[in-house]
Amino acid sequence: MGAYLEVDGMSQIQKRIIELGKKGNKIENKALREGAEIVRAKVSEQAPRSDKPRKQKEGTQSWRTGEHAADHITASRVKMVNGSKVIEVGISRGDNSHYFYLKFHEYGTVKMPPRPFMRRSLRMSRDNARAIMRYIYKKELGL
């Protein structure tokens, strides 16, 4: 699930970043990464955890690692999507990593209703992510 986070009231800052060119691009990427880290940490905190993660049995269940998937929530690199910079945080529907099973909690299955922890985490961390992004923009631009 990709999270979309828009920082409102930043038109003056965005205009200044465009004027700065390459340096502005670095500032924007830094702010996005810091904001995504706030969201990633909250998703990891809110992700379901078992009392005891299971280890792989010999010859079967190659996907079991003995670790919690919540400890492996990732944030992507900065990407351009439809003309906007984006960082994807969490597990996607198409995830085939060792921790693929978290997508079943988020999206549900035919037999299991969704229990969306990522959406809840985004709502909980949105204001903090915006605040840190705003702080980084102001600090780097000297405002």
C-alpha atoms as a PDB file:
ATOM      1  CA  MET A   1       0.000   0.000   0.000  1.00  0.00           C
ATOM      2  CA  GLY A   2       1.467   3.303  -0.982  1.00  0.00           C
ATOM      3  CA  ALA A   3       0.659   6.242   1.220  1.00  0.00           C
ATOM      4  CA  TYR A   4      -0.036   9.655  -0.303  1.00  0.00           C
ATOM      5  CA  LEU A   5       0.978  12.552   1.904  1.00  0.00           C
ATOM      6  CA  GLU A   6       0.511  16.095   0.654  1.00  0.00           C
ATOM      7  CA  VAL A   7       2.069  19.003   2.508  1.00  0.00           C
ATOM      8  CA  ASP A   8      -0.304  21.965   2.274  1.00  0.00           C
ATOM      9  CA  GLY A   9       0.634  25.630   2.547  1.00  0.00           C
ATOM     10  CA  MET A  10       4.049  25.100   1.095  1.00  0.00           C
ATOM     11  CA  SER A  11       3.714  26.963  -2.235  1.00  0.00           C
ATOM     12  CA  GLN A  12       6.309  29.606  -1.289  1.00  0.00           C
ATOM     13  CA  ILE A  13       8.791  26.935  -0.226  1.00  0.00           C
ATOM     14  CA  GLN A  14       8.139  24.854  -3.351  1.00  0.00           C
ATOM     15  CA  LYS A  15       8.675  27.924  -5.547  1.00  0.00           C
ATOM     16  CA  ARG A  16      12.012  28.569  -3.838  1.00  0.00           C
ATOM     17  CA  ILE A  17      13.040  24.917  -4.284  1.00  0.00           C
ATOM     18  CA  ILE A  18      12.344  25.107  -8.018  1.00  0.00           C
ATOM     19  CA  GLU A  19      14.500  28.231  -8.215  1.00  0.00           C
ATOM     20  CA  LEU A  20      17.378  26.424  -6.489  1.00  0.00           C
ATOM     21  CA  GLY A  21      17.487  23.696  -9.124  1.00  0.00           C
ATOM     22  CA  LYS A  22      19.688  20.708  -8.229  1.00  0.00           C
ATOM     23  CA  LYS A  23      20.191  21.806  -4.607  1.00  0.00           C
ATOM     24  CA  GLY A  24      16.429  22.189  -4.239  1.00  0.00           C
ATOM     25  CA  ASN A  25      15.991  18.674  -5.556  1.00  0.00           C
ATOM     26  CA  LYS A  26      18.299  17.324  -2.830  1.00  0.00           C
ATOM     27  CA  ILE A  27      16.429  19.282  -0.154  1.00  0.00           C
ATOM     28  CA  GLU A  28      13.104  17.954  -1.388  1.00  0.00           C
ATOM     29  CA  ASN A  29      14.379  14.357  -1.400  1.00  0.00           C
ATOM     30  CA  LYS A  30      15.790  14.739   2.112  1.00  0.00           C
ATOM     31  CA  ALA A  31      12.481  16.069   3.430  1.00  0.00           C
ATOM     32  CA  LEU A  32      10.570  13.235   1.751  1.00  0.00           C
ATOM     33  CA  ARG A  33      12.912  10.596   3.206  1.00  0.00           C
ATOM     34  CA  GLU A  34      12.589  12.028   6.721  1.00  0.00           C
ATOM     35  CA  GLY A  35       8.801  12.190   6.448  1.00  0.00           C
ATOM     36  CA  ALA A  36       8.679   8.626   5.114  1.00  0.00           C
ATOM     37  CA  GLU A  37      10.831   7.429   8.018  1.00  0.00           C
ATOM     38  CA  ILE A  38       8.278   8.807  10.506  1.00  0.00           C
ATOM     39  CA  VAL A  39       5.521   6.896   8.699  1.00  0.00           C
ATOM     40  CA  ARG A  40       7.672   3.741   8.379  1.00  0.00           C
ATOM     41  CA  ALA A  41       8.405   3.709  12.106  1.00  0.00           C
ATOM     42  CA  LYS A  42       4.698   4.048  12.945  1.00  0.00           C
ATOM     43  CA  VAL A  43       3.727   1.264  10.507  1.00  0.00           C
ATOM     44  CA  SER A  44       6.365  -0.981  12.063  1.00  0.00           C
ATOM     45  CA  GLU A  45       5.059  -0.166  15.542  1.00  0.00           C
ATOM     46  CA  GLN A  46       1.424  -0.862  14.591  1.00  0.00           C
ATOM     47  CA  ALA A  47       2.050  -4.027  12.535  1.00  0.00           C
ATOM     48  CA  PRO A  48       0.683  -7.244  14.028  1.00  0.00           C
ATOM     49  CA  ARG A  49       3.239  -9.406  15.821  1.00  0.00           C
ATOM     50  CA  SER A  50       2.978 -12.951  17.046  1.00  0.00           C
ATOM     51  CA  ASP A  51       4.306 -13.910  20.461  1.00  0.00           C
ATOM     52  CA  LYS A  52       6.852 -16.195  18.877  1.00  0.00           C
ATOM     53  CA  PRO A  53       7.694 -16.037  15.148  1.00  0.00           C
ATOM     54  CA  ARG A  54       8.152 -19.503  13.650  1.00  0.00           C
ATOM     55  CA  LYS A  55      11.397 -20.728  12.166  1.00  0.00           C
ATOM     56  CA  GLN A  56      11.690 -22.764   8.984  1.00  0.00           C
ATOM     57  CA  LYS A  57      11.328 -26.534   9.300  1.00  0.00           C
ATOM     58  CA  GLU A  58      13.791 -28.620   7.337  1.00  0.00           C
ATOM     59  CA  GLY A  59      12.829 -28.898   3.681  1.00  0.00           C
ATOM     60  CA  THR A  60       9.572 -26.914   4.021  1.00  0.00           C
ATOM     61  CA  GLN A  61       8.294 -23.408   4.603  1.00  0.00           C
ATOM     62  CA  SER A  62      11.250 -21.662   3.033  1.00  0.00           C
ATOM     63  CA  TRP A  63       9.556 -18.318   3.644  1.00  0.00           C
ATOM     64  CA  ARG A  64       9.713 -18.598   7.455  1.00  0.00           C
ATOM     65  CA  THR A  65      12.596 -16.629   8.936  1.00  0.00           C
ATOM     66  CA  GLY A  66      11.979 -16.651  12.676  1.00  0.00           C
ATOM     67  CA  GLU A  67      11.709 -12.846  12.590  1.00  0.00           C
ATOM     68  CA  HIS A  68       8.766 -10.480  12.779  1.00  0.00           C
ATOM     69  CA  ALA A  69       7.660  -8.928   9.507  1.00  0.00           C
ATOM     70  CA  ALA A  70       7.013  -5.728  11.475  1.00  0.00           C
ATOM     71  CA  ASP A  71      10.787  -5.360  11.876  1.00  0.00           C
ATOM     72  CA  HIS A  72      11.210  -5.385   8.092  1.00  0.00           C
ATOM     73  CA  ILE A  73       8.829  -2.621   6.990  1.00  0.00           C
ATOM     74  CA  THR A  74      10.621  -0.667   4.293  1.00  0.00           C
ATOM     75  CA  ALA A  75      10.476   2.695   2.579  1.00  0.00           C
ATOM     76  CA  SER A  76      11.339   2.842  -1.116  1.00  0.00           C
ATOM     77  CA  ARG A  77      13.697   5.257  -2.793  1.00  0.00           C
ATOM     78  CA  VAL A  78      12.310   8.550  -4.070  1.00  0.00           C
ATOM     79  CA  LYS A  79      10.423   7.933  -7.335  1.00  0.00           C
ATOM     80  CA  MET A  80       8.570  10.107  -9.815  1.00  0.00           C
ATOM     81  CA  VAL A  81       4.937   9.037 -10.229  1.00  0.00           C
ATOM     82  CA  ASN A  82       2.611  11.132 -12.406  1.00  0.00           C
ATOM     83  CA  GLY A  83       4.911  14.139 -12.060  1.00  0.00           C
ATOM     84  CA  SER A  84       5.124  13.956  -8.247  1.00  0.00           C
ATOM     85  CA  LYS A  85       7.882  12.617  -6.043  1.00  0.00           C
ATOM     86  CA  VAL A  86       6.779   9.594  -4.027  1.00  0.00           C
ATOM     87  CA  ILE A  87       8.206   7.234  -1.428  1.00  0.00           C
ATOM     88  CA  GLU A  88       6.273   4.021  -0.862  1.00  0.00           C
ATOM     89  CA  VAL A  89       6.150   2.715   2.696  1.00  0.00           C
ATOM     90  CA  GLY A  90       4.980  -0.722   3.792  1.00  0.00           C
ATOM     91  CA  ILE A  91       3.792  -3.859   2.056  1.00  0.00           C
ATOM     92  CA  SER A  92       2.171  -3.819  -1.386  1.00  0.00           C
ATOM     93  CA  ARG A  93      -0.403  -6.232  -2.797  1.00  0.00           C
ATOM     94  CA  GLY A  94       2.218  -7.696  -5.086  1.00  0.00           C
ATOM     95  CA  ASP A  95       4.828  -8.233  -2.372  1.00  0.00           C
ATOM     96  CA  ASN A  96       6.529 -11.618  -2.657  1.00  0.00           C
ATOM     97  CA  SER A  97       9.220 -11.147  -0.014  1.00  0.00           C
ATOM     98  CA  HIS A  98       9.632 -13.385   3.035  1.00  0.00           C
ATOM     99  CA  TYR A  99       7.197 -11.071   4.830  1.00  0.00           C
ATOM    100  CA  PHE A 100       4.415 -11.257   2.229  1.00  0.00           C
ATOM    101  CA  TYR A 101       1.815 -12.366   4.758  1.00  0.00           C
ATOM    102  CA  LEU A 102       1.360  -8.848   6.171  1.00  0.00           C
ATOM    103  CA  LYS A 103      -0.565  -7.982   3.017  1.00  0.00           C
ATOM    104  CA  PHE A 104      -3.252 -10.443   4.122  1.00  0.00           C
ATOM    105  CA  HIS A 105      -3.740  -8.438   7.329  1.00  0.00           C
ATOM    106  CA  GLU A 106      -3.918  -5.158   5.418  1.00  0.00           C
ATOM    107  CA  TYR A 107      -6.068  -6.196   2.448  1.00  0.00           C
ATOM    108  CA  GLY A 108      -7.832  -9.315   3.734  1.00  0.00           C
ATOM    109  CA  THR A 109      -8.518 -12.546   1.881  1.00  0.00           C
ATOM    110  CA  VAL A 110     -11.590 -14.400   0.730  1.00  0.00           C
ATOM    111  CA  LYS A 111     -11.869 -15.931   4.205  1.00  0.00           C
ATOM    112  CA  MET A 112     -10.417 -13.115   6.323  1.00  0.00           C
ATOM    113  CA  PRO A 113     -11.625  -9.508   6.504  1.00  0.00           C
ATOM    114  CA  PRO A 114      -8.985  -6.780   6.215  1.00  0.00           C
ATOM    115  CA  ARG A 115      -7.435  -5.420   9.411  1.00  0.00           C
ATOM    116  CA  PRO A 116      -5.720  -2.339   8.012  1.00  0.00           C
ATOM    117  CA  PHE A 117      -2.819  -1.374  10.247  1.00  0.00           C
ATOM    118  CA  MET A 118      -0.964   0.599   7.542  1.00  0.00           C
ATOM    119  CA  ARG A 119      -3.813   3.018   6.855  1.00  0.00           C
ATOM    120  CA  ARG A 120      -4.271   3.572  10.587  1.00  0.00           C
ATOM    121  CA  SER A 121      -0.526   4.174  10.970  1.00  0.00           C
ATOM    122  CA  LEU A 122      -0.571   6.752   8.175  1.00  0.00           C
ATOM    123  CA  ARG A 123      -3.400   8.653   9.854  1.00  0.00           C
ATOM    124  CA  MET A 124      -1.537   8.565  13.175  1.00  0.00           C
ATOM    125  CA  SER A 125       1.792   9.766  11.763  1.00  0.00           C
ATOM    126  CA  ARG A 126       0.634  12.193   9.068  1.00  0.00           C
ATOM    127  CA  ASP A 127       0.930  15.363  11.173  1.00  0.00           C
ATOM    128  CA  ASN A 128       4.383  14.430  12.519  1.00  0.00           C
ATOM    129  CA  ALA A 129       5.631  13.608   9.009  1.00  0.00           C
ATOM    130  CA  ARG A 130       4.377  16.941   7.682  1.00  0.00           C
ATOM    131  CA  ALA A 131       5.969  18.793  10.590  1.00  0.00           C
ATOM    132  CA  ILE A 132       9.393  17.217  10.073  1.00  0.00           C
ATOM    133  CA  MET A 133       9.210  17.864   6.336  1.00  0.00           C
ATOM    134  CA  ARG A 134       8.282  21.498   6.926  1.00  0.00           C
ATOM    135  CA  TYR A 135      11.133  21.820   9.455  1.00  0.00           C
ATOM    136  CA  ILE A 136      13.683  20.391   7.016  1.00  0.00           C
ATOM    137  CA  TYR A 137      12.515  22.654   4.189  1.00  0.00           C
ATOM    138  CA  LYS A 138      12.789  25.747   6.403  1.00  0.00           C
ATOM    139  CA  LYS A 139      16.139  24.725   7.882  1.00  0.00           C
ATOM    140  CA  GLU A 140      17.741  23.907   4.519  1.00  0.00           C
ATOM    141  CA  LEU A 141      16.361  27.030   2.851  1.00  0.00           C
ATOM    142  CA  GLY A 142      17.331  29.282   5.751  1.00  0.00           C
ATOM    143  CA  LEU A 143      13.764  30.450   6.397  1.00  0.00           C
END
